[in-house]
Structures are given as structure tokens and as C-alpha cells.
């Protein structure tokens, strides 16, 4: 995974980790947050490296599917973008327009 994708998956994991299977959640946390290699995770859980890889791959796919359906991360990005616009053009008229877009 590229750095940008790792960051996105980490954010999605924070939002949706409780919707994953225990194995997917554990393996993704260990791989992304604890920086463990697939081999280290496999050894720790006494499974094959391929099993770890498959669970991580399915977990990432599932996280993206939840984001497509629920959209928390997208909404957060939109809110942050709107707040940046507010900081730049802080007039009453512009504030009203941006608030209308948010709600």
C-alpha cells in the first residue's frame, strides 16, 4: 500500500473497526498501528502469512464498502474543507452559504 492509502485505511479503521471480524480488526491494527509485518502477525497468531494477507485485504475492502455506504470520512473531509473556507472568507454572507452546504 502507498502511504496515502495507508493513511486513508487507518482513518477508516478508526471509524468502522467494530464492523469488521475480530481477525480482520486485529490484523489491520497490528499491521497499520503497531507496524508489524505480515510474517510477525502470522507467527503471533499461529497462522500462515497468506491467511493474514487475505484477512487484511478483505478487511480493507470491507472498510471501503462501509465508507461508500455510510460516508463518515467523506463528510469529515467536507466539513474540514468548509471550515477552511470559513477561515478565509469570514463574512456573514459567506458563512450562511457554507452553513447551508453543510446542512
N, C-alpha and C. Protein backbone atom coordinates (compact mmCIF):
# COMPACT_ATOMS: atom_id res chain seq x y z
N UNK A 1 0.84 -1.19 0.00
CA UNK A 1 0.00 0.00 0.00
C UNK A 1 0.88 1.25 0.00
N UNK A 2 0.43 2.24 -0.74
CA UNK A 2 1.10 3.53 -0.76
C UNK A 2 0.78 4.27 0.54
N UNK A 3 1.60 5.24 0.88
CA UNK A 3 1.43 5.98 2.13
C UNK A 3 0.05 6.62 2.23
N UNK A 4 -0.40 7.22 1.13
CA UNK A 4 -1.71 7.87 1.12
C UNK A 4 -2.83 6.88 1.43
N UNK A 5 -2.75 5.69 0.83
CA UNK A 5 -3.76 4.67 1.08
C UNK A 5 -3.69 4.16 2.51
N UNK A 6 -2.47 4.02 3.04
CA UNK A 6 -2.31 3.57 4.43
C UNK A 6 -2.98 4.56 5.37
N UNK A 7 -2.78 5.85 5.12
CA UNK A 7 -3.40 6.88 5.96
C UNK A 7 -4.92 6.82 5.87
N UNK A 8 -5.43 6.66 4.66
CA UNK A 8 -6.88 6.58 4.49
C UNK A 8 -7.46 5.35 5.19
N UNK A 9 -6.81 4.21 5.02
CA UNK A 9 -7.29 2.98 5.65
C UNK A 9 -7.23 3.11 7.17
N UNK A 10 -6.21 3.78 7.69
CA UNK A 10 -6.11 3.99 9.14
C UNK A 10 -7.28 4.81 9.66
N UNK A 11 -7.65 5.83 8.91
CA UNK A 11 -8.80 6.66 9.31
C UNK A 11 -10.08 5.83 9.23
N UNK A 12 -10.25 5.09 8.14
CA UNK A 12 -11.45 4.25 8.00
C UNK A 12 -11.50 3.21 9.10
N UNK A 13 -10.36 2.68 9.49
CA UNK A 13 -10.30 1.69 10.56
C UNK A 13 -10.81 2.29 11.87
N UNK A 14 -10.45 3.53 12.13
CA UNK A 14 -10.93 4.19 13.35
C UNK A 14 -12.45 4.35 13.34
N UNK A 15 -13.02 4.62 12.17
CA UNK A 15 -14.47 4.77 12.07
C UNK A 15 -15.21 3.44 12.15
N UNK A 16 -14.73 2.45 11.42
CA UNK A 16 -15.53 1.25 11.17
C UNK A 16 -14.96 -0.05 11.74
N UNK A 17 -13.92 0.01 12.59
CA UNK A 17 -13.27 -1.22 13.03
C UNK A 17 -14.22 -2.18 13.75
N UNK A 18 -15.20 -1.66 14.44
CA UNK A 18 -16.12 -2.54 15.16
C UNK A 18 -17.07 -3.30 14.23
N UNK A 19 -17.07 -2.95 12.96
CA UNK A 19 -17.90 -3.64 11.98
C UNK A 19 -17.14 -4.76 11.26
N UNK A 20 -15.84 -4.88 11.53
CA UNK A 20 -15.02 -5.93 10.92
C UNK A 20 -15.06 -7.19 11.79
N UNK A 21 -14.60 -8.30 11.20
CA UNK A 21 -14.44 -9.50 12.01
C UNK A 21 -13.29 -9.26 12.98
N UNK A 22 -13.23 -10.05 14.04
CA UNK A 22 -12.16 -9.90 15.02
C UNK A 22 -10.79 -10.07 14.38
N UNK A 23 -10.65 -11.05 13.51
CA UNK A 23 -9.36 -11.29 12.86
C UNK A 23 -8.98 -10.11 11.97
N UNK A 24 -9.91 -9.64 11.17
CA UNK A 24 -9.61 -8.50 10.29
C UNK A 24 -9.19 -7.29 11.12
N UNK A 25 -9.94 -7.03 12.17
CA UNK A 25 -9.64 -5.88 13.03
C UNK A 25 -8.26 -6.03 13.67
N UNK A 26 -8.00 -7.19 14.27
CA UNK A 26 -6.72 -7.42 14.94
C UNK A 26 -5.55 -7.31 13.98
N UNK A 27 -5.66 -7.96 12.83
CA UNK A 27 -4.56 -7.95 11.86
C UNK A 27 -4.31 -6.56 11.31
N UNK A 28 -5.38 -5.82 11.01
CA UNK A 28 -5.21 -4.46 10.50
C UNK A 28 -4.59 -3.54 11.54
N UNK A 29 -5.03 -3.64 12.78
CA UNK A 29 -4.45 -2.82 13.84
C UNK A 29 -2.97 -3.14 14.02
N UNK A 30 -2.66 -4.43 14.07
CA UNK A 30 -1.26 -4.82 14.25
C UNK A 30 -0.40 -4.38 13.07
N UNK A 31 -0.94 -4.48 11.88
CA UNK A 31 -0.16 -4.12 10.69
C UNK A 31 0.00 -2.61 10.53
N UNK A 32 -1.09 -1.86 10.71
CA UNK A 32 -1.06 -0.43 10.45
C UNK A 32 -0.62 0.40 11.66
N UNK A 33 -1.14 0.07 12.84
CA UNK A 33 -0.87 0.89 14.01
C UNK A 33 0.35 0.43 14.79
N UNK A 34 0.58 -0.87 14.81
CA UNK A 34 1.73 -1.40 15.55
C UNK A 34 2.91 -1.70 14.63
N UNK A 35 2.74 -1.46 13.33
CA UNK A 35 3.79 -1.60 12.32
C UNK A 35 4.41 -3.01 12.30
N UNK A 36 3.58 -4.02 12.49
CA UNK A 36 4.06 -5.40 12.43
C UNK A 36 3.99 -5.89 10.99
N UNK A 37 4.95 -6.70 10.61
CA UNK A 37 4.94 -7.29 9.26
C UNK A 37 3.92 -8.42 9.22
N UNK A 38 3.57 -8.84 8.01
CA UNK A 38 2.63 -9.95 7.86
C UNK A 38 3.20 -11.21 8.51
N UNK A 39 4.49 -11.42 8.37
CA UNK A 39 5.13 -12.60 8.97
C UNK A 39 5.06 -12.56 10.49
N UNK A 40 5.28 -11.39 11.07
CA UNK A 40 5.21 -11.26 12.53
C UNK A 40 3.79 -11.53 13.03
N UNK A 41 2.81 -11.01 12.32
CA UNK A 41 1.41 -11.24 12.71
C UNK A 41 1.08 -12.72 12.59
N UNK A 42 1.51 -13.33 11.50
CA UNK A 42 1.25 -14.76 11.29
C UNK A 42 1.85 -15.60 12.41
N UNK A 43 3.06 -15.28 12.78
CA UNK A 43 3.74 -16.03 13.85
C UNK A 43 3.00 -15.85 15.17
N UNK A 44 2.61 -14.63 15.47
CA UNK A 44 1.91 -14.33 16.73
C UNK A 44 0.60 -15.09 16.84
N UNK A 45 -0.13 -15.20 15.73
CA UNK A 45 -1.46 -15.83 15.75
C UNK A 45 -1.43 -17.29 15.30
N UNK A 46 -0.22 -17.77 15.00
CA UNK A 46 -0.04 -19.16 14.57
C UNK A 46 -0.89 -19.51 13.35
N UNK A 47 -0.82 -18.63 12.36
CA UNK A 47 -1.49 -18.85 11.08
C UNK A 47 -0.47 -18.58 9.98
N UNK A 48 -0.87 -18.85 8.74
CA UNK A 48 0.05 -18.60 7.63
C UNK A 48 0.08 -17.11 7.29
N UNK A 49 1.15 -16.71 6.65
CA UNK A 49 1.28 -15.34 6.19
C UNK A 49 0.17 -15.03 5.18
N UNK A 50 -0.17 -16.02 4.36
CA UNK A 50 -1.23 -15.85 3.37
C UNK A 50 -2.58 -15.60 4.04
N UNK A 51 -2.83 -16.26 5.15
CA UNK A 51 -4.09 -16.05 5.88
C UNK A 51 -4.17 -14.61 6.40
N UNK A 52 -3.05 -14.11 6.90
CA UNK A 52 -3.01 -12.73 7.38
C UNK A 52 -3.25 -11.77 6.21
N UNK A 53 -2.56 -12.00 5.11
CA UNK A 53 -2.71 -11.16 3.92
C UNK A 53 -4.16 -11.14 3.44
N UNK A 54 -4.77 -12.32 3.35
CA UNK A 54 -6.16 -12.41 2.87
C UNK A 54 -7.12 -11.67 3.80
N UNK A 55 -6.93 -11.81 5.11
CA UNK A 55 -7.80 -11.12 6.06
C UNK A 55 -7.62 -9.61 5.99
N UNK A 56 -6.39 -9.17 5.83
CA UNK A 56 -6.15 -7.73 5.71
C UNK A 56 -6.77 -7.20 4.42
N UNK A 57 -6.58 -7.92 3.34
CA UNK A 57 -7.14 -7.49 2.05
C UNK A 57 -8.67 -7.41 2.12
N UNK A 58 -9.31 -8.43 2.69
CA UNK A 58 -10.77 -8.41 2.84
C UNK A 58 -11.21 -7.30 3.78
N UNK A 59 -10.43 -7.08 4.84
CA UNK A 59 -10.76 -6.01 5.78
C UNK A 59 -10.71 -4.64 5.14
N UNK A 60 -9.68 -4.40 4.33
CA UNK A 60 -9.56 -3.11 3.64
C UNK A 60 -10.73 -2.93 2.67
N UNK A 61 -11.07 -3.98 1.95
CA UNK A 61 -12.20 -3.92 1.02
C UNK A 61 -13.49 -3.61 1.78
N UNK A 62 -13.68 -4.27 2.90
CA UNK A 62 -14.87 -4.05 3.72
C UNK A 62 -14.92 -2.62 4.24
N UNK A 63 -13.79 -2.09 4.68
CA UNK A 63 -13.75 -0.70 5.16
C UNK A 63 -14.18 0.27 4.06
N UNK A 64 -13.69 0.05 2.85
CA UNK A 64 -14.07 0.91 1.72
C UNK A 64 -15.56 0.77 1.39
N UNK A 65 -16.09 -0.44 1.50
CA UNK A 65 -17.52 -0.65 1.25
C UNK A 65 -18.36 0.09 2.29
N UNK A 66 -17.96 0.04 3.56
CA UNK A 66 -18.69 0.78 4.59
C UNK A 66 -18.61 2.28 4.34
N UNK A 67 -17.45 2.76 3.94
CA UNK A 67 -17.31 4.19 3.67
C UNK A 67 -18.19 4.60 2.49
N UNK A 68 -18.27 3.75 1.47
CA UNK A 68 -19.13 4.05 0.32
C UNK A 68 -20.59 4.14 0.74
N UNK A 69 -21.00 3.31 1.69
CA UNK A 69 -22.40 3.29 2.13
C UNK A 69 -22.70 4.35 3.18
N UNK A 70 -21.79 4.53 4.15
CA UNK A 70 -22.05 5.40 5.29
C UNK A 70 -21.47 6.80 5.08
N UNK A 71 -20.22 6.87 4.66
CA UNK A 71 -19.61 8.14 4.28
C UNK A 71 -19.13 9.06 5.38
N UNK A 72 -18.78 8.52 6.56
CA UNK A 72 -18.29 9.38 7.64
C UNK A 72 -17.03 10.15 7.26
N UNK A 73 -16.07 9.45 6.65
CA UNK A 73 -14.79 10.09 6.30
C UNK A 73 -15.01 11.18 5.25
N UNK A 74 -15.83 10.90 4.27
CA UNK A 74 -16.11 11.89 3.23
C UNK A 74 -16.76 13.13 3.85
N UNK A 75 -17.70 12.90 4.75
CA UNK A 75 -18.38 14.03 5.40
C UNK A 75 -17.40 14.84 6.25
N UNK A 76 -16.50 14.14 6.95
CA UNK A 76 -15.50 14.84 7.75
C UNK A 76 -14.62 15.72 6.86
N UNK A 77 -14.21 15.20 5.72
CA UNK A 77 -13.39 15.97 4.77
C UNK A 77 -14.14 17.19 4.26
N UNK A 78 -15.43 17.02 3.97
CA UNK A 78 -16.24 18.14 3.51
C UNK A 78 -16.35 19.22 4.59
N UNK A 79 -16.53 18.80 5.83
CA UNK A 79 -16.64 19.75 6.93
C UNK A 79 -15.32 20.50 7.12
N UNK A 80 -14.21 19.77 7.07
CA UNK A 80 -12.90 20.42 7.20
C UNK A 80 -12.66 21.43 6.07
N UNK A 81 -13.05 21.05 4.87
CA UNK A 81 -12.90 21.95 3.72
C UNK A 81 -13.75 23.20 3.91
N UNK A 82 -14.97 23.02 4.39
CA UNK A 82 -15.85 24.16 4.62
C UNK A 82 -15.31 25.07 5.72
N UNK A 83 -14.73 24.48 6.75
CA UNK A 83 -14.15 25.28 7.82
C UNK A 83 -12.95 26.10 7.31
N UNK A 84 -12.17 25.50 6.42
CA UNK A 84 -11.06 26.25 5.83
C UNK A 84 -11.57 27.43 5.01
N UNK A 85 -12.67 27.21 4.27
CA UNK A 85 -13.27 28.31 3.51
C UNK A 85 -13.76 29.40 4.45
N UNK A 86 -14.35 28.98 5.58
CA UNK A 86 -14.84 29.95 6.56
C UNK A 86 -13.70 30.82 7.07
N UNK A 87 -12.57 30.19 7.34
CA UNK A 87 -11.43 30.95 7.85
C UNK A 87 -10.96 32.00 6.85
N UNK A 88 -11.00 31.65 5.56
CA UNK A 88 -10.52 32.57 4.52
C UNK A 88 -11.48 33.73 4.28
N UNK A 89 -12.75 33.42 4.19
CA UNK A 89 -13.76 34.43 3.84
C UNK A 89 -14.80 34.54 4.95
N UNK A 90 -14.42 35.13 6.03
CA UNK A 90 -15.32 35.19 7.17
C UNK A 90 -16.20 36.44 7.09
N UNK A 91 -17.20 36.36 6.22
CA UNK A 91 -18.22 37.40 6.15
C UNK A 91 -19.55 36.72 6.42
N UNK A 92 -20.51 37.48 6.87
CA UNK A 92 -21.81 36.91 7.23
C UNK A 92 -22.46 36.20 6.05
N UNK A 93 -22.37 36.78 4.88
CA UNK A 93 -22.98 36.18 3.69
C UNK A 93 -22.33 34.84 3.35
N UNK A 94 -21.02 34.80 3.38
CA UNK A 94 -20.31 33.56 3.07
C UNK A 94 -20.54 32.49 4.13
N UNK A 95 -20.63 32.89 5.38
CA UNK A 95 -20.90 31.94 6.46
C UNK A 95 -22.25 31.27 6.23
N UNK A 96 -23.25 32.06 5.87
CA UNK A 96 -24.58 31.50 5.61
C UNK A 96 -24.54 30.50 4.45
N UNK A 97 -23.83 30.81 3.39
CA UNK A 97 -23.73 29.89 2.24
C UNK A 97 -23.07 28.58 2.64
N UNK A 98 -21.99 28.67 3.37
CA UNK A 98 -21.26 27.46 3.77
C UNK A 98 -22.10 26.63 4.73
N UNK A 99 -22.79 27.28 5.65
CA UNK A 99 -23.65 26.54 6.58
C UNK A 99 -24.78 25.84 5.84
N UNK A 100 -25.32 26.47 4.81
CA UNK A 100 -26.36 25.83 4.00
C UNK A 100 -25.82 24.59 3.31
N UNK A 101 -24.58 24.63 2.84
CA UNK A 101 -23.98 23.47 2.19
C UNK A 101 -23.79 22.31 3.17
N UNK A 102 -23.46 22.64 4.40
CA UNK A 102 -23.23 21.60 5.41
C UNK A 102 -24.52 20.92 5.84
N UNK A 103 -25.58 21.69 5.92
CA UNK A 103 -26.83 21.15 6.42
C UNK A 103 -27.87 21.24 5.36
